PDB file of N, CA and C in Angstrom:
ATOM      1  N   SER A   1     -36.539   8.559  44.555  1.00  0.00           N
ATOM      2  CA  SER A   1     -36.375   7.781  45.885  1.00  0.00           C
ATOM      3  C   SER A   1     -35.167   6.509  45.395  1.00  0.00           C
ATOM      4  N   ASN A   2     -34.684   5.937  46.708  1.00  0.00           N
ATOM      5  CA  ASN A   2     -33.822   4.835  46.633  1.00  0.00           C
ATOM      6  C   ASN A   2     -34.882   3.616  47.174  1.00  0.00           C
ATOM      7  N   CYS A   3     -36.008   3.947  47.711  1.00  0.00           N
ATOM      8  CA  CYS A   3     -37.146   2.828  48.137  1.00  0.00           C
ATOM      9  C   CYS A   3     -36.744   1.859  48.785  1.00  0.00           C
ATOM     10  N   GLY A   4     -35.724   2.679  50.372  1.00  0.00           N
ATOM     11  CA  GLY A   4     -35.449   2.129  51.189  1.00  0.00           C
ATOM     12  C   GLY A   4     -34.201   1.463  51.013  1.00  0.00           C
ATOM     13  N   ARG A   5     -33.220   1.464  50.232  1.00  0.00           N
ATOM     14  CA  ARG A   5     -32.508   0.307  49.631  1.00  0.00           C
ATOM     15  C   ARG A   5     -31.225   1.063  50.043  1.00  0.00           C
ATOM     16  N   ASP A   6     -30.473   0.136  50.842  1.00  0.00           N
ATOM     17  CA  ASP A   6     -28.853   1.145  50.659  1.00  0.00           C
ATOM     18  C   ASP A   6     -28.241   1.019  50.059  1.00  0.00           C
ATOM     19  N   SER A   7     -28.073   2.231  49.558  1.00  0.00           N
ATOM     20  CA  SER A   7     -27.402   2.352  48.743  1.00  0.00           C
ATOM     21  C   SER A   7     -26.051   2.267  48.617  1.00  0.00           C
ATOM     22  N   ASP A   8     -25.192   2.820  49.938  1.00  0.00           N
ATOM     23  CA  ASP A   8     -24.252   2.893  49.767  1.00  0.00           C
ATOM     24  C   ASP A   8     -23.642   0.958  49.925  1.00  0.00           C
ATOM     25  N   PHE A   9     -24.229   0.088  50.455  1.00  0.00           N
ATOM     26  CA  PHE A   9     -24.044  -0.855  50.722  1.00  0.00           C
ATOM     27  C   PHE A   9     -23.835  -1.596  48.741  1.00  0.00           C
ATOM     28  N   ASP A  10     -25.151  -0.457  48.095  1.00  0.00           N
ATOM     29  CA  ASP A  10     -24.909  -1.100  46.667  1.00  0.00           C
ATOM     30  C   ASP A  10     -23.689  -0.915  45.849  1.00  0.00           C
ATOM     31  N   ASN A  11     -23.821   0.071  46.475  1.00  0.00           N
ATOM     32  CA  ASN A  11     -22.095   1.050  45.427  1.00  0.00           C
ATOM     33  C   ASN A  11     -20.912   0.329  45.794  1.00  0.00           C
ATOM     34  N   SER A  12     -20.735  -0.028  47.265  1.00  0.00           N
ATOM     35  CA  SER A  12     -19.831  -0.754  47.291  1.00  0.00           C
ATOM     36  C   SER A  12     -18.973  -2.281  47.715  1.00  0.00           C
ATOM     37  N   PHE A  13     -20.668  -2.768  46.927  1.00  0.00           N
ATOM     38  CA  PHE A  13     -20.583  -4.141  46.939  1.00  0.00           C
ATOM     39  C   PHE A  13     -20.389  -4.322  44.910  1.00  0.00           C
ATOM     40  N   ASN A  14     -20.825  -3.002  44.339  1.00  0.00           N
ATOM     41  CA  ASN A  14     -20.570  -3.028  42.693  1.00  0.00           C
ATOM     42  C   ASN A  14     -19.142  -2.996  42.631  1.00  0.00           C
ATOM     43  N   HIS A  15     -18.929  -2.028  43.639  1.00  0.00           N
ATOM     44  CA  HIS A  15     -17.182  -1.484  42.718  1.00  0.00           C
ATOM     45  C   HIS A  15     -16.793  -2.793  43.689  1.00  0.00           C
ATOM     46  N   LYS A  16     -16.659  -3.384  44.625  1.00  0.00           N
ATOM     47  CA  LYS A  16     -15.824  -4.561  45.242  1.00  0.00           C
ATOM     48  C   LYS A  16     -15.630  -5.499  43.590  1.00  0.00           C
ATOM     49  N   ARG A  17     -17.125  -6.013  43.398  1.00  0.00           N
ATOM     50  CA  ARG A  17     -17.433  -6.778  42.118  1.00  0.00           C
ATOM     51  C   ARG A  17     -16.472  -6.311  40.989  1.00  0.00           C
ATOM     52  N   ILE A  18     -16.448  -4.880  40.309  1.00  0.00           N
ATOM     53  CA  ILE A  18     -15.590  -4.398  39.138  1.00  0.00           C
ATOM     54  C   ILE A  18     -14.168  -5.045  39.904  1.00  0.00           C
ATOM     55  N   MET A  19     -13.763  -4.466  40.578  1.00  0.00           N
ATOM     56  CA  MET A  19     -12.372  -4.804  41.022  1.00  0.00           C
ATOM     57  C   MET A  19     -11.586  -6.530  41.168  1.00  0.00           C
ATOM     58  N   GLU A  20     -12.927  -7.314  41.181  1.00  0.00           N
ATOM     59  CA  GLU A  20     -12.484  -8.259  41.601  1.00  0.00           C
ATOM     60  C   GLU A  20     -12.213  -8.927  39.632  1.00  0.00           C
ATOM     61  N   ILE A  21     -12.924  -8.781  39.196  1.00  0.00           N
ATOM     62  CA  ILE A  21     -13.091  -9.024  37.529  1.00  0.00           C
ATOM     63  C   ILE A  21     -12.397  -8.611  36.727  1.00  0.00           C
ATOM     64  N   LYS A  22     -11.352  -7.727  37.258  1.00  0.00           N
ATOM     65  CA  LYS A  22     -10.734  -7.205  35.922  1.00  0.00           C
ATOM     66  C   LYS A  22      -9.028  -8.108  36.070  1.00  0.00           C
ATOM     67  N   THR A  23      -9.044  -9.051  36.447  1.00  0.00           N
ATOM     68  CA  THR A  23      -7.999 -10.054  36.292  1.00  0.00           C
ATOM     69  C   THR A  23      -7.973 -10.994  35.781  1.00  0.00           C
ATOM     70  N   PRO A  24      -6.908 -11.300  34.342  1.00  0.00           N
ATOM     71  CA  PRO A  24      -7.966 -12.080  33.083  1.00  0.00           C
ATOM     72  C   PRO A  24      -7.631 -13.541  33.013  1.00  0.00           C
ATOM     73  N   TYR A  25      -8.024 -14.245  33.809  1.00  0.00           N
ATOM     74  CA  TYR A  25      -7.326 -15.802  34.036  1.00  0.00           C
ATOM     75  C   TYR A  25      -8.109 -16.708  32.838  1.00  0.00           C
ATOM     76  N   THR A  26      -7.799 -17.537  33.020  1.00  0.00           N
ATOM     77  CA  THR A  26      -8.577 -18.328  31.699  1.00  0.00           C
ATOM     78  C   THR A  26      -8.717 -19.411  32.469  1.00  0.00           C
ATOM     79  N   GLN A  27     -10.393 -20.701  32.095  1.00  0.00           N
ATOM     80  CA  GLN A  27     -11.075 -21.559  32.859  1.00  0.00           C
ATOM     81  C   GLN A  27      -9.741 -22.236  33.154  1.00  0.00           C
ATOM     82  N   LYS A  28      -8.790 -23.026  32.237  1.00  0.00           N
ATOM     83  CA  LYS A  28      -7.863 -24.367  31.962  1.00  0.00           C
ATOM     84  C   LYS A  28      -6.908 -23.295  33.185  1.00  0.00           C
ATOM     85  N   GLU A  29      -6.148 -21.885  33.364  1.00  0.00           N
ATOM     86  CA  GLU A  29      -5.526 -21.607  34.371  1.00  0.00           C
ATOM     87  C   GLU A  29      -6.496 -22.037  35.701  1.00  0.00           C
ATOM     88  N   ILE A  30      -7.663 -21.340  36.017  1.00  0.00           N
ATOM     89  CA  ILE A  30      -8.664 -21.822  37.310  1.00  0.00           C
ATOM     90  C   ILE A  30      -8.912 -23.157  37.551  1.00  0.00           C
ATOM     91  N   GLU A  31      -8.782 -24.320  36.729  1.00  0.00           N
ATOM     92  CA  GLU A  31      -9.218 -25.085  37.099  1.00  0.00           C
ATOM     93  C   GLU A  31      -7.738 -26.527  37.024  1.00  0.00           C
ATOM     94  N   ARG A  32      -6.703 -25.860  36.450  1.00  0.00           N
ATOM     95  CA  ARG A  32      -5.247 -25.793  37.377  1.00  0.00           C
ATOM     96  C   ARG A  32      -5.361 -26.012  38.748  1.00  0.00           C
ATOM     97  N   VAL A  33      -5.286 -24.532  38.459  1.00  0.00           N
ATOM     98  CA  VAL A  33      -5.133 -25.007  40.372  1.00  0.00           C
ATOM     99  C   VAL A  33      -5.976 -25.054  41.945  1.00  0.00           C
ATOM    100  N   ILE A  34      -6.969 -25.182  41.140  1.00  0.00           N
ATOM    101  CA  ILE A  34      -8.759 -25.675  42.005  1.00  0.00           C
ATOM    102  C   ILE A  34      -7.493 -27.187  42.008  1.00  0.00           C
ATOM    103  N   CYS A  35      -7.382 -27.710  40.992  1.00  0.00           N
ATOM    104  CA  CYS A  35      -7.726 -29.607  40.776  1.00  0.00           C
ATOM    105  C   CYS A  35      -6.293 -29.615  41.748  1.00  0.00           C
ATOM    106  N   ARG A  36      -5.357 -29.051  42.209  1.00  0.00           N
ATOM    107  CA  ARG A  36      -4.167 -29.186  42.340  1.00  0.00           C
ATOM    108  C   ARG A  36      -4.854 -28.793  44.256  1.00  0.00           C
ATOM    109  N   HIS A  37      -4.900 -27.533  44.266  1.00  0.00           N
ATOM    110  CA  HIS A  37      -5.163 -27.403  45.592  1.00  0.00           C
ATOM    111  C   HIS A  37      -6.044 -28.511  46.576  1.00  0.00           C
ATOM    112  N   PHE A  38      -7.221 -28.457  45.581  1.00  0.00           N
ATOM    113  CA  PHE A  38      -7.440 -29.990  45.831  1.00  0.00           C
ATOM    114  C   PHE A  38      -7.514 -31.267  46.013  1.00  0.00           C
ATOM    115  N   GLU A  39      -6.798 -31.299  45.522  1.00  0.00           N
ATOM    116  CA  GLU A  39      -6.215 -32.892  45.025  1.00  0.00           C
ATOM    117  C   GLU A  39      -7.352 -33.198  44.613  1.00  0.00           C
ATOM    118  N   VAL A  40      -8.224 -32.733  43.146  1.00  0.00           N
ATOM    119  CA  VAL A  40      -9.071 -33.770  42.634  1.00  0.00           C
ATOM    120  C   VAL A  40      -8.980 -33.373  40.976  1.00  0.00           C
ATOM    121  N   THR A  41      -9.192 -34.635  40.027  1.00  0.00           N
ATOM    122  CA  THR A  41      -8.828 -34.716  38.866  1.00  0.00           C
ATOM    123  C   THR A  41      -9.644 -33.591  37.788  1.00  0.00           C
ATOM    124  N   LYS A  42      -9.392 -33.070  36.775  1.00  0.00           N
ATOM    125  CA  LYS A  42     -10.317 -31.992  36.277  1.00  0.00           C
ATOM    126  C   LYS A  42     -12.051 -32.998  36.124  1.00  0.00           C
ATOM    127  N   LEU A  43     -11.677 -34.507  35.353  1.00  0.00           N
ATOM    128  CA  LEU A  43     -12.962 -35.435  35.633  1.00  0.00           C
ATOM    129  C   LEU A  43     -14.047 -35.849  36.911  1.00  0.00           C
ATOM    130  N   GLN A  44     -13.087 -35.421  38.078  1.00  0.00           N
ATOM    131  CA  GLN A  44     -14.175 -34.927  39.221  1.00  0.00           C
ATOM    132  C   GLN A  44     -14.683 -33.888  39.102  1.00  0.00           C
ATOM    133  N   LEU A  45     -13.581 -32.802  39.002  1.00  0.00           N
ATOM    134  CA  LEU A  45     -14.455 -31.461  38.852  1.00  0.00           C
ATOM    135  C   LEU A  45     -15.430 -30.914  37.732  1.00  0.00           C
ATOM    136  N   HIS A  46     -15.358 -32.005  37.302  1.00  0.00           N
ATOM    137  CA  HIS A  46     -17.219 -32.120  35.914  1.00  0.00           C
ATOM    138  C   HIS A  46     -18.175 -33.162  35.775  1.00  0.00           C
ATOM    139  N   GLY A  47     -17.743 -33.621  37.246  1.00  0.00           N
ATOM    140  CA  GLY A  47     -18.383 -34.970  36.967  1.00  0.00           C
ATOM    141  C   GLY A  47     -19.577 -34.551  38.157  1.00  0.00           C
ATOM    142  N   ARG A  48     -20.738 -35.644  38.570  1.00  0.00           N
ATOM    143  CA  ARG A  48     -21.562 -35.256  38.907  1.00  0.00           C
ATOM    144  C   ARG A  48     -21.439 -35.134  40.831  1.00  0.00           C
ATOM    145  N   THR A  49     -20.906 -35.736  41.025  1.00  0.00           N
ATOM    146  CA  THR A  49     -20.748 -35.575  42.226  1.00  0.00           C
ATOM    147  C   THR A  49     -20.339 -34.496  42.808  1.00  0.00           C
ATOM    148  N   ASN A  50     -21.130 -33.614  44.243  1.00  0.00           N
ATOM    149  CA  ASN A  50     -20.812 -32.836  44.838  1.00  0.00           C
ATOM    150  C   ASN A  50     -20.497 -32.883  46.656  1.00  0.00           C
ATOM    151  N   LYS A  51     -19.615 -33.874  46.288  1.00  0.00           N
ATOM    152  CA  LYS A  51     -19.332 -34.732  48.234  1.00  0.00           C
ATOM    153  C   LYS A  51     -18.230 -34.353  48.340  1.00  0.00           C
ATOM    154  N   GLY A  52     -17.674 -33.664  49.637  1.00  0.00           N
ATOM    155  CA  GLY A  52     -16.134 -33.765  50.501  1.00  0.00           C
ATOM    156  C   GLY A  52     -15.472 -32.749  49.107  1.00  0.00           C
ATOM    157  N   GLN A  53     -14.058 -33.294  48.481  1.00  0.00           N
ATOM    158  CA  GLN A  53     -13.312 -32.256  48.694  1.00  0.00           C
ATOM    159  C   GLN A  53     -13.430 -31.654  47.218  1.00  0.00           C
ATOM    160  N   ILE A  54     -14.416 -32.560  46.423  1.00  0.00           N
ATOM    161  CA  ILE A  54     -14.905 -32.526  45.168  1.00  0.00           C
ATOM    162  C   ILE A  54     -16.488 -31.057  45.594  1.00  0.00           C
ATOM    163  N   GLY A  55     -16.521 -31.130  45.666  1.00  0.00           N
ATOM    164  CA  GLY A  55     -17.743 -30.340  45.562  1.00  0.00           C
ATOM    165  C   GLY A  55     -17.266 -29.048  46.023  1.00  0.00           C
ATOM    166  N   GLU A  56     -16.212 -28.964  47.410  1.00  0.00           N
ATOM    167  CA  GLU A  56     -15.742 -27.598  48.037  1.00  0.00           C
ATOM    168  C   GLU A  56     -14.680 -26.888  46.677  1.00  0.00           C
ATOM    169  N   ALA A  57     -14.413 -28.406  45.802  1.00  0.00           N
ATOM    170  CA  ALA A  57     -13.236 -27.572  44.793  1.00  0.00           C
ATOM    171  C   ALA A  57     -14.409 -26.989  43.866  1.00  0.00           C
ATOM    172  N   LYS A  58     -15.710 -27.099  43.534  1.00  0.00           N
ATOM    173  CA  LYS A  58     -16.545 -27.219  42.548  1.00  0.00           C
ATOM    174  C   LYS A  58     -17.318 -25.497  43.244  1.00  0.00           C
ATOM    175  N   LYS A  59     -17.468 -25.294  44.450  1.00  0.00           N
ATOM    176  CA  LYS A  59     -18.075 -23.901  44.696  1.00  0.00           C
ATOM    177  C   LYS A  59     -16.732 -22.851  44.064  1.00  0.00           C
ATOM    178  N   ALA A  60     -15.466 -23.452  44.814  1.00  0.00           N
ATOM    179  CA  ALA A  60     -14.634 -22.258  44.614  1.00  0.00           C
ATOM    180  C   ALA A  60     -14.120 -22.065  43.067  1.00  0.00           C
ATOM    181  N   CYS A  61     -14.423 -22.768  42.181  1.00  0.00           N
ATOM    182  CA  CYS A  61     -14.215 -22.953  40.615  1.00  0.00           C
ATOM    183  C   CYS A  61     -14.918 -21.891  40.332  1.00  0.00           C
ATOM    184  N   TYR A  62     -16.538 -22.258  40.041  1.00  0.00           N
ATOM    185  CA  TYR A  62     -17.522 -21.427  40.034  1.00  0.00           C
ATOM    186  C   TYR A  62     -17.409 -20.258  40.275  1.00  0.00           C
ATOM    187  N   PHE A  63     -17.695 -19.921  41.648  1.00  0.00           N
ATOM    188  CA  PHE A  63     -17.096 -18.275  42.031  1.00  0.00           C
ATOM    189  C   PHE A  63     -15.817 -17.955  41.109  1.00  0.00           C
ATOM    190  N   LEU A  64     -14.672 -18.706  41.022  1.00  0.00           N
ATOM    191  CA  LEU A  64     -13.384 -18.173  40.584  1.00  0.00           C
ATOM    192  C   LEU A  64     -14.123 -17.360  38.874  1.00  0.00           C
ATOM    193  N   LEU A  65     -14.331 -18.200  37.998  1.00  0.00           N
ATOM    194  CA  LEU A  65     -14.868 -18.096  37.055  1.00  0.00           C
ATOM    195  C   LEU A  65     -15.688 -17.322  36.488  1.00  0.00           C
ATOM    196  N   TYR A  66     -17.179 -16.892  37.593  1.00  0.00           N
ATOM    197  CA  TYR A  66     -18.050 -15.977  37.408  1.00  0.00           C
ATOM    198  C   TYR A  66     -16.971 -14.807  37.984  1.00  0.00           C
ATOM    199  N   ASN A  67     -16.106 -14.498  38.725  1.00  0.00           N
ATOM    200  CA  ASN A  67     -15.628 -13.432  38.928  1.00  0.00           C
ATOM    201  C   ASN A  67     -14.322 -13.128  37.873  1.00  0.00           C
ATOM    202  N   HIS A  68     -13.835 -14.660  37.135  1.00  0.00           N
ATOM    203  CA  HIS A  68     -12.551 -13.901  36.413  1.00  0.00           C
ATOM    204  C   HIS A  68     -12.616 -14.350  34.954  1.00  0.00           C
ATOM    205  N   VAL A  69     -13.691 -14.919  34.622  1.00  0.00           N
ATOM    206  CA  VAL A  69     -13.473 -14.827  33.132  1.00  0.00           C
ATOM    207  C   VAL A  69     -14.656 -14.664  32.701  1.00  0.00           C
ATOM    208  N   ILE A  70     -15.871 -15.387  33.145  1.00  0.00           N
ATOM    209  CA  ILE A  70     -17.349 -14.646  32.507  1.00  0.00           C
ATOM    210  C   ILE A  70     -17.944 -13.606  32.683  1.00  0.00           C
ATOM    211  N   GLN A  71     -18.168 -13.291  33.537  1.00  0.00           N
ATOM    212  CA  GLN A  71     -19.266 -12.479  34.374  1.00  0.00           C
ATOM    213  C   GLN A  71     -20.961 -12.455  34.027  1.00  0.00           C
ATOM    214  N   ASN A  72     -20.985 -14.098  33.584  1.00  0.00           N
ATOM    215  CA  ASN A  72     -22.763 -14.435  32.833  1.00  0.00           C
ATOM    216  C   ASN A  72     -22.884 -15.838  34.071  1.00  0.00           C
ATOM    217  N   LYS A  73     -24.138 -15.345  35.140  1.00  0.00           N
ATOM    218  CA  LYS A  73     -24.073 -16.196  36.002  1.00  0.00           C
ATOM    219  C   LYS A  73     -25.091 -17.549  34.641  1.00  0.00           C
ATOM    220  N   SER A  74     -25.697 -17.299  33.935  1.00  0.00           N
ATOM    221  CA  SER A  74     -26.027 -18.667  33.045  1.00  0.00           C
ATOM    222  C   SER A  74     -24.819 -19.764  32.304  1.00  0.00           C
ATOM    223  N   ALA A  75     -23.441 -18.204  32.389  1.00  0.00           N
ATOM    224  CA  ALA A  75     -22.950 -19.360  30.989  1.00  0.00           C
ATOM    225  C   ALA A  75     -21.672 -19.700  31.997  1.00  0.00           C
ATOM    226  N   VAL A  76     -21.671 -19.450  33.450  1.00  0.00           N
ATOM    227  CA  VAL A  76     -21.211 -20.559  33.998  1.00  0.00           C
ATOM    228  C   VAL A  76     -21.739 -21.877  34.090  1.00  0.00           C
ATOM    229  N   GLY A  77     -23.543 -22.294  34.450  1.00  0.00           N
ATOM    230  CA  GLY A  77     -23.686 -23.160  34.449  1.00  0.00           C
ATOM    231  C   GLY A  77     -24.099 -24.305  32.952  1.00  0.00           C
ATOM    232  N   GLN A  78     -23.403 -23.738  31.763  1.00  0.00           N
ATOM    233  CA  GLN A  78     -23.358 -24.344  30.748  1.00  0.00           C
ATOM    234  C   GLN A  78     -21.556 -24.366  30.598  1.00  0.00           C
ATOM    235  N   MET A  79     -21.171 -23.691  30.801  1.00  0.00           N
ATOM    236  CA  MET A  79     -19.506 -24.285  30.911  1.00  0.00           C
ATOM    237  C   MET A  79     -18.882 -25.430  31.777  1.00  0.00           C
ATOM    238  N   VAL A  80     -19.825 -25.495  32.999  1.00  0.00           N
ATOM    239  CA  VAL A  80     -19.327 -26.616  34.032  1.00  0.00           C
ATOM    240  C   VAL A  80     -20.465 -27.850  33.798  1.00  0.00           C
ATOM    241  N   GLY A  81     -21.403 -27.693  32.090  1.00  0.00           N
ATOM    242  CA  GLY A  81     -21.788 -28.661  31.664  1.00  0.00           C
ATOM    243  C   GLY A  81     -23.317 -28.959  32.996  1.00  0.00           C
ATOM    244  N   ARG A  82     -23.398 -27.416  33.216  1.00  0.00           N
ATOM    245  CA  ARG A  82     -25.458 -27.041  34.274  1.00  0.00           C
ATOM    246  C   ARG A  82     -26.240 -26.769  33.396  1.00  0.00           C
ATOM    247  N   SER A  83     -27.111 -26.716  33.673  1.00  0.00           N
ATOM    248  CA  SER A  83     -28.295 -25.750  32.819  1.00  0.00           C
ATOM    249  C   SER A  83     -27.646 -24.317  33.508  1.00  0.00           C
ATOM    250  N   ASN A  84     -28.841 -23.466  32.430  1.00  0.00           N
ATOM    251  CA  ASN A  84     -28.102 -21.902  32.995  1.00  0.00           C
ATOM    252  C   ASN A  84     -29.081 -21.616  34.317  1.00  0.00           C
ATOM    253  N   SER A  85     -29.706 -21.953  34.604  1.00  0.00           N
ATOM    254  CA  SER A  85     -30.657 -21.889  36.044  1.00  0.00           C
ATOM    255  C   SER A  85     -29.946 -22.700  36.864  1.00  0.00           C
ATOM    256  N   SER A  86     -28.901 -23.803  36.875  1.00  0.00           N
ATOM    257  CA  SER A  86     -28.053 -24.101  38.046  1.00  0.00           C
ATOM    258  C   SER A  86     -27.162 -23.041  37.910  1.00  0.00           C
ATOM    259  N   GLY A  87     -26.239 -22.723  37.130  1.00  0.00           N
ATOM    260  CA  GLY A  87     -25.478 -21.700  37.210  1.00  0.00           C
ATOM    261  C   GLY A  87     -25.736 -20.443  37.560  1.00  0.00           C
ATOM    262  N   ILE A  88     -26.838 -20.308  37.963  1.00  0.00           N
ATOM    263  CA  ILE A  88     -27.846 -19.009  38.034  1.00  0.00           C
ATOM    264  C   ILE A  88     -27.318 -19.475  39.622  1.00  0.00           C
ATOM    265  N   ALA A  89     -28.000 -20.585  39.924  1.00  0.00           N
ATOM    266  CA  ALA A  89     -28.181 -20.192  41.506  1.00  0.00           C
ATOM    267  C   ALA A  89     -26.982 -20.679  42.354  1.00  0.00           C
ATOM    268  N   ILE A  90     -25.761 -21.445  41.595  1.00  0.00           N
ATOM    269  CA  ILE A  90     -24.659 -21.617  42.216  1.00  0.00           C
ATOM    270  C   ILE A  90     -24.033 -20.818  42.335  1.00  0.00           C
ATOM    271  N   ILE A  91     -23.292 -19.102  41.275  1.00  0.00           N
ATOM    272  CA  ILE A  91     -23.004 -18.244  41.818  1.00  0.00           C
ATOM    273  C   ILE A  91     -23.749 -17.564  42.526  1.00  0.00           C
ATOM    274  N   GLU A  92     -25.403 -17.049  42.625  1.00  0.00           N
ATOM    275  CA  GLU A  92     -25.951 -16.128  43.657  1.00  0.00           C
ATOM    276  C   GLU A  92     -25.346 -16.563  45.345  1.00  0.00           C
ATOM    277  N   LYS A  93     -25.237 -18.520  45.251  1.00  0.00           N
ATOM    278  CA  LYS A  93     -25.027 -18.880  46.311  1.00  0.00           C
ATOM    279  C   LYS A  93     -23.355 -18.862  46.503  1.00  0.00           C
ATOM    280  N   MET A  94     -22.562 -19.399  46.257  1.00  0.00           N
ATOM    281  CA  MET A  94     -20.978 -18.670  46.375  1.00  0.00           C
ATOM    282  C   MET A  94     -20.824 -17.484  46.586  1.00  0.00           C
ATOM    283  N   THR A  95     -21.850 -16.969  45.674  1.00  0.00           N
ATOM    284  CA  THR A  95     -20.973 -15.011  46.367  1.00  0.00           C
ATOM    285  C   THR A  95     -21.923 -14.415  47.809  1.00  0.00           C
ATOM    286  N   GLU A  96     -22.712 -15.266  47.638  1.00  0.00           N
ATOM    287  CA  GLU A  96     -23.276 -14.527  49.416  1.00  0.00           C
ATOM    288  C   GLU A  96     -22.569 -15.122  50.342  1.00  0.00           C
ATOM    289  N   LEU A  97     -21.977 -16.972  50.026  1.00  0.00           N
ATOM    290  CA  LEU A  97     -20.610 -17.640  50.620  1.00  0.00           C
ATOM    291  C   LEU A  97     -19.426 -16.750  50.989  1.00  0.00           C
ATOM    292  N   TYR A  98     -19.238 -16.300  50.047  1.00  0.00           N
ATOM    293  CA  TYR A  98     -17.885 -15.389  50.136  1.00  0.00           C
ATOM    294  C   TYR A  98     -18.176 -14.065  50.841  1.00  0.00           C
ATOM    295  N   GLU A  99     -19.385 -13.433  50.651  1.00  0.00           N
ATOM    296  CA  GLU A  99     -19.914 -12.667  51.641  1.00  0.00           C
ATOM    297  C   GLU A  99     -20.125 -12.740  53.103  1.00  0.00           C
ATOM    298  N   PHE A 100     -20.514 -13.783  53.543  1.00  0.00           N
ATOM    299  CA  PHE A 100     -20.400 -13.902  54.920  1.00  0.00           C
ATOM    300  C   PHE A 100     -19.688 -15.072  55.586  1.00  0.00           C
ATOM    301  N   ASP A 101     -18.855 -16.022  54.450  1.00  0.00           N
ATOM    302  CA  ASP A 101     -18.119 -17.127  54.737  1.00  0.00           C
ATOM    303  C   ASP A 101     -17.155 -16.899  55.190  1.00  0.00           C
ATOM    304  N   LYS A 102     -16.298 -16.888  56.435  1.00  0.00           N
ATOM    305  CA  LYS A 102     -14.632 -16.229  56.553  1.00  0.00           C
ATOM    306  C   LYS A 102     -13.813 -16.767  55.954  1.00  0.00           C
ATOM    307  N   GLN A 103     -13.880 -18.436  56.142  1.00  0.00           N
ATOM    308  CA  GLN A 103     -13.342 -19.434  55.749  1.00  0.00           C
ATOM    309  C   GLN A 103     -13.124 -19.711  53.904  1.00  0.00           C
ATOM    310  N   PHE A 104     -14.525 -19.797  53.502  1.00  0.00           N
ATOM    311  CA  PHE A 104     -14.651 -19.388  52.244  1.00  0.00           C
ATOM    312  C   PHE A 104     -14.290 -18.395  51.771  1.00  0.00           C
ATOM    313  N   GLN A 105     -13.972 -17.580  51.757  1.00  0.00           N
ATOM    314  CA  GLN A 105     -13.527 -15.609  51.790  1.00  0.00           C
ATOM    315  C   GLN A 105     -11.608 -16.082  52.006  1.00  0.00           C
ATOM    316  N   SER A 106     -11.028 -16.667  52.716  1.00  0.00           N
ATOM    317  CA  SER A 106      -9.984 -17.126  52.557  1.00  0.00           C
ATOM    318  C   SER A 106      -9.712 -17.693  51.820  1.00  0.00           C
ATOM    319  N   ARG A 107      -9.942 -18.734  51.285  1.00  0.00           N
ATOM    320  CA  ARG A 107      -9.858 -20.159  50.565  1.00  0.00           C
ATOM    321  C   ARG A 107      -9.471 -19.086  49.580  1.00  0.00           C
ATOM    322  N   ILE A 108     -10.688 -18.933  49.157  1.00  0.00           N
ATOM    323  CA  ILE A 108     -10.483 -17.908  47.605  1.00  0.00           C
ATOM    324  C   ILE A 108      -9.343 -17.391  47.607  1.00  0.00           C
ATOM    325  N   GLU A 109      -9.218 -16.560  48.193  1.00  0.00           N
ATOM    326  CA  GLU A 109      -8.092 -15.743  48.055  1.00  0.00           C
ATOM    327  C   GLU A 109      -6.608 -15.998  48.192  1.00  0.00           C
ATOM    328  N   ARG A 110      -7.077 -17.338  49.337  1.00  0.00           N
ATOM    329  CA  ARG A 110      -5.261 -18.479  48.799  1.00  0.00           C
ATOM    330  C   ARG A 110      -5.543 -18.863  47.306  1.00  0.00           C
ATOM    331  N   LEU A 111      -6.333 -18.903  46.686  1.00  0.00           N
ATOM    332  CA  LEU A 111      -6.256 -19.661  45.295  1.00  0.00           C
ATOM    333  C   LEU A 111      -5.965 -18.392  44.397  1.00  0.00           C
ATOM    334  N   ARG A 112      -6.545 -17.153  44.651  1.00  0.00           N
ATOM    335  CA  ARG A 112      -6.038 -16.519  43.903  1.00  0.00           C
ATOM    336  C   ARG A 112      -4.660 -16.161  43.437  1.00  0.00           C
ATOM    337  N   ASN A 113      -3.980 -15.830  45.286  1.00  0.00           N
ATOM    338  CA  ASN A 113      -2.641 -15.482  45.608  1.00  0.00           C
ATOM    339  C   ASN A 113      -1.753 -17.193  44.379  1.00  0.00           C
ATOM    340  N   GLU A 114      -2.751 -18.031  44.611  1.00  0.00           N
ATOM    341  CA  GLU A 114      -1.694 -19.312  43.655  1.00  0.00           C
ATOM    342  C   GLU A 114      -1.933 -19.220  42.075  1.00  0.00           C
ATOM    343  N   LEU A 115      -3.511 -18.326  41.558  1.00  0.00           N
ATOM    344  CA  LEU A 115      -3.160 -17.849  39.922  1.00  0.00           C
ATOM    345  C   LEU A 115      -1.981 -16.971  40.334  1.00  0.00           C
ATOM    346  N   LYS A 116      -1.912 -15.776  40.754  1.00  0.00           N
ATOM    347  CA  LYS A 116      -0.770 -15.251  40.751  1.00  0.00           C
ATOM    348  C   LYS A 116      -0.044 -15.813  39.932  1.00  0.00           C
ATOM    349  N   LYS A 117       0.982 -16.835  40.969  1.00  0.00           N
ATOM    350  CA  LYS A 117       2.581 -17.259  40.292  1.00  0.00           C
ATOM    351  C   LYS A 117       2.532 -18.199  39.308  1.00  0.00           C
TER     352      LYS A 117
END
């Protein structure tokens, strides 16, 4: 018994996730594209501020790092100078944002296209 869970949804989501993590980008490549796209510096990307363009850049950076480089939620937190629990919370929030926010989704796809160049 699957306890009422929608296993078709789970399977499609897991399949999509597996498809996303197959591209071998590095943290450096992702940060370079993010900084150029959002017109922020690497220092701003790793700083404490989460407002405006810097906040948007960080969201996209965390999401891409998780989907293409690390695949470990708590490690994303460590990689960007945050706690393990912050990394987990950030990735869960960004994954939900990607699923439901078409604007965020299209921005991520534009960034992925920039990474391919």
